[in-house]
């Protein structure tokens, strides 16, 4: 659901571990890149993802705060990427324009 502004929250159950969470985060970032804006030159959709793995009985507010910190770290790292909370490991691209050949 929408948290506010341009931020959304996705809660997932039964994610076995960090590798699976990383794969999900990468798929989300890739899916956003694939959004067609109707041929508008120079306009693209990107997304930053902050993710955290929380176990049963974890405090929601603490998990949300960790994911939020990871999200803002991803935005500061250049956007269009994902980072996992805790170790702040993830994949951030240097520049979309470099990928587009601009």
Protein backbone atom coordinates (compact mmCIF):
# COMPACT_ATOMS: atom_id res chain seq x y z
CA UNK A 1 0.00 0.00 0.00
CA UNK A 2 0.92 3.64 -0.34
CA UNK A 3 2.81 5.05 2.64
CA UNK A 4 2.85 8.64 1.41
CA UNK A 5 4.04 10.71 -1.51
CA UNK A 6 5.79 8.36 -3.87
CA UNK A 7 6.55 5.67 -1.27
CA UNK A 8 4.86 2.30 -1.14
CA UNK A 9 5.06 -0.60 1.28
CA UNK A 10 5.02 -4.27 0.32
CA UNK A 11 4.78 -6.90 3.04
CA UNK A 12 5.82 -10.41 2.05
CA UNK A 13 5.45 -13.64 3.97
CA UNK A 14 7.68 -16.70 3.89
CA UNK A 15 10.77 -15.13 2.33
CA UNK A 16 13.43 -17.72 3.25
CA UNK A 17 16.47 -15.46 3.44
CA UNK A 18 18.48 -12.49 2.17
CA UNK A 19 19.23 -14.03 -1.24
CA UNK A 20 15.54 -14.47 -1.98
CA UNK A 21 14.73 -10.99 -0.69
CA UNK A 22 17.47 -9.56 -2.91
CA UNK A 23 16.03 -11.37 -5.94
CA UNK A 24 12.58 -9.92 -5.23
CA UNK A 25 14.00 -6.40 -4.81
CA UNK A 26 15.89 -6.72 -8.10
CA UNK A 27 12.73 -7.88 -9.91
CA UNK A 28 10.83 -4.86 -8.55
CA UNK A 29 13.49 -2.40 -9.75
CA UNK A 30 13.63 -4.11 -13.17
CA UNK A 31 9.82 -4.09 -13.49
CA UNK A 32 9.68 -0.35 -12.84
CA UNK A 33 12.30 0.24 -15.54
CA UNK A 34 10.05 -1.59 -17.98
CA UNK A 35 7.12 0.80 -17.60
CA UNK A 36 6.28 2.44 -20.93
CA UNK A 37 5.52 6.15 -20.66
CA UNK A 38 4.02 6.28 -24.12
CA UNK A 39 7.12 7.28 -26.07
CA UNK A 40 7.92 10.44 -24.14
CA UNK A 41 11.60 11.10 -24.92
CA UNK A 42 13.85 11.45 -21.91
CA UNK A 43 11.23 10.26 -19.43
CA UNK A 44 11.61 6.99 -17.62
CA UNK A 45 10.34 5.33 -14.49
CA UNK A 46 12.81 4.19 -11.87
CA UNK A 47 12.48 3.02 -8.32
CA UNK A 48 14.55 2.67 -5.21
CA UNK A 49 13.89 -0.20 -2.84
CA UNK A 50 14.81 -0.52 0.81
CA UNK A 51 14.19 -4.00 2.17
CA UNK A 52 14.48 -5.75 5.50
CA UNK A 53 14.09 -9.36 6.55
CA UNK A 54 12.06 -9.67 9.75
CA UNK A 55 11.13 -12.87 11.49
CA UNK A 56 7.99 -13.88 13.35
CA UNK A 57 7.37 -11.71 16.39
CA UNK A 58 9.50 -8.84 15.06
CA UNK A 59 8.45 -5.34 15.99
CA UNK A 60 6.70 -3.74 13.00
CA UNK A 61 7.93 -0.21 13.76
CA UNK A 62 11.56 -1.37 14.08
CA UNK A 63 11.34 -3.30 10.78
CA UNK A 64 9.70 -0.35 9.04
CA UNK A 65 12.42 2.01 10.32
CA UNK A 66 15.17 -0.32 9.04
CA UNK A 67 13.55 -0.59 5.61
CA UNK A 68 13.07 3.18 5.51
CA UNK A 69 16.76 3.79 6.27
CA UNK A 70 17.72 1.32 3.52
CA UNK A 71 15.36 3.10 1.10
CA UNK A 72 16.92 6.51 1.75
CA UNK A 73 20.41 5.02 1.47
CA UNK A 74 19.41 3.60 -1.94
CA UNK A 75 18.16 7.02 -3.01
CA UNK A 76 21.41 8.64 -1.87
CA UNK A 77 23.41 5.98 -3.72
CA UNK A 78 21.99 7.20 -7.00
CA UNK A 79 18.44 5.85 -7.10
CA UNK A 80 17.22 3.12 -9.44
CA UNK A 81 18.53 0.46 -7.09
CA UNK A 82 17.85 -1.67 -4.04
CA UNK A 83 19.54 -2.09 -0.69
CA UNK A 84 18.94 -4.58 2.10
CA UNK A 85 18.80 -3.20 5.63
CA UNK A 86 21.42 -4.19 8.14
CA UNK A 87 24.50 -4.54 5.98
CA UNK A 88 23.13 -2.10 3.36
CA UNK A 89 24.15 -4.46 0.60
CA UNK A 90 22.52 -4.24 -2.78
CA UNK A 91 22.85 -3.18 -6.36
CA UNK A 92 22.85 0.45 -7.46
CA UNK A 93 23.55 1.53 -11.02
CA UNK A 94 25.86 4.46 -11.69
CA UNK A 95 23.58 6.10 -14.20
CA UNK A 96 20.59 5.30 -16.36
CA UNK A 97 21.93 7.57 -19.08
CA UNK A 98 25.06 5.42 -19.30
CA UNK A 99 22.88 2.36 -19.86
CA UNK A 100 20.87 4.17 -22.53
CA UNK A 101 24.04 5.17 -24.35
CA UNK A 102 23.56 8.88 -23.75
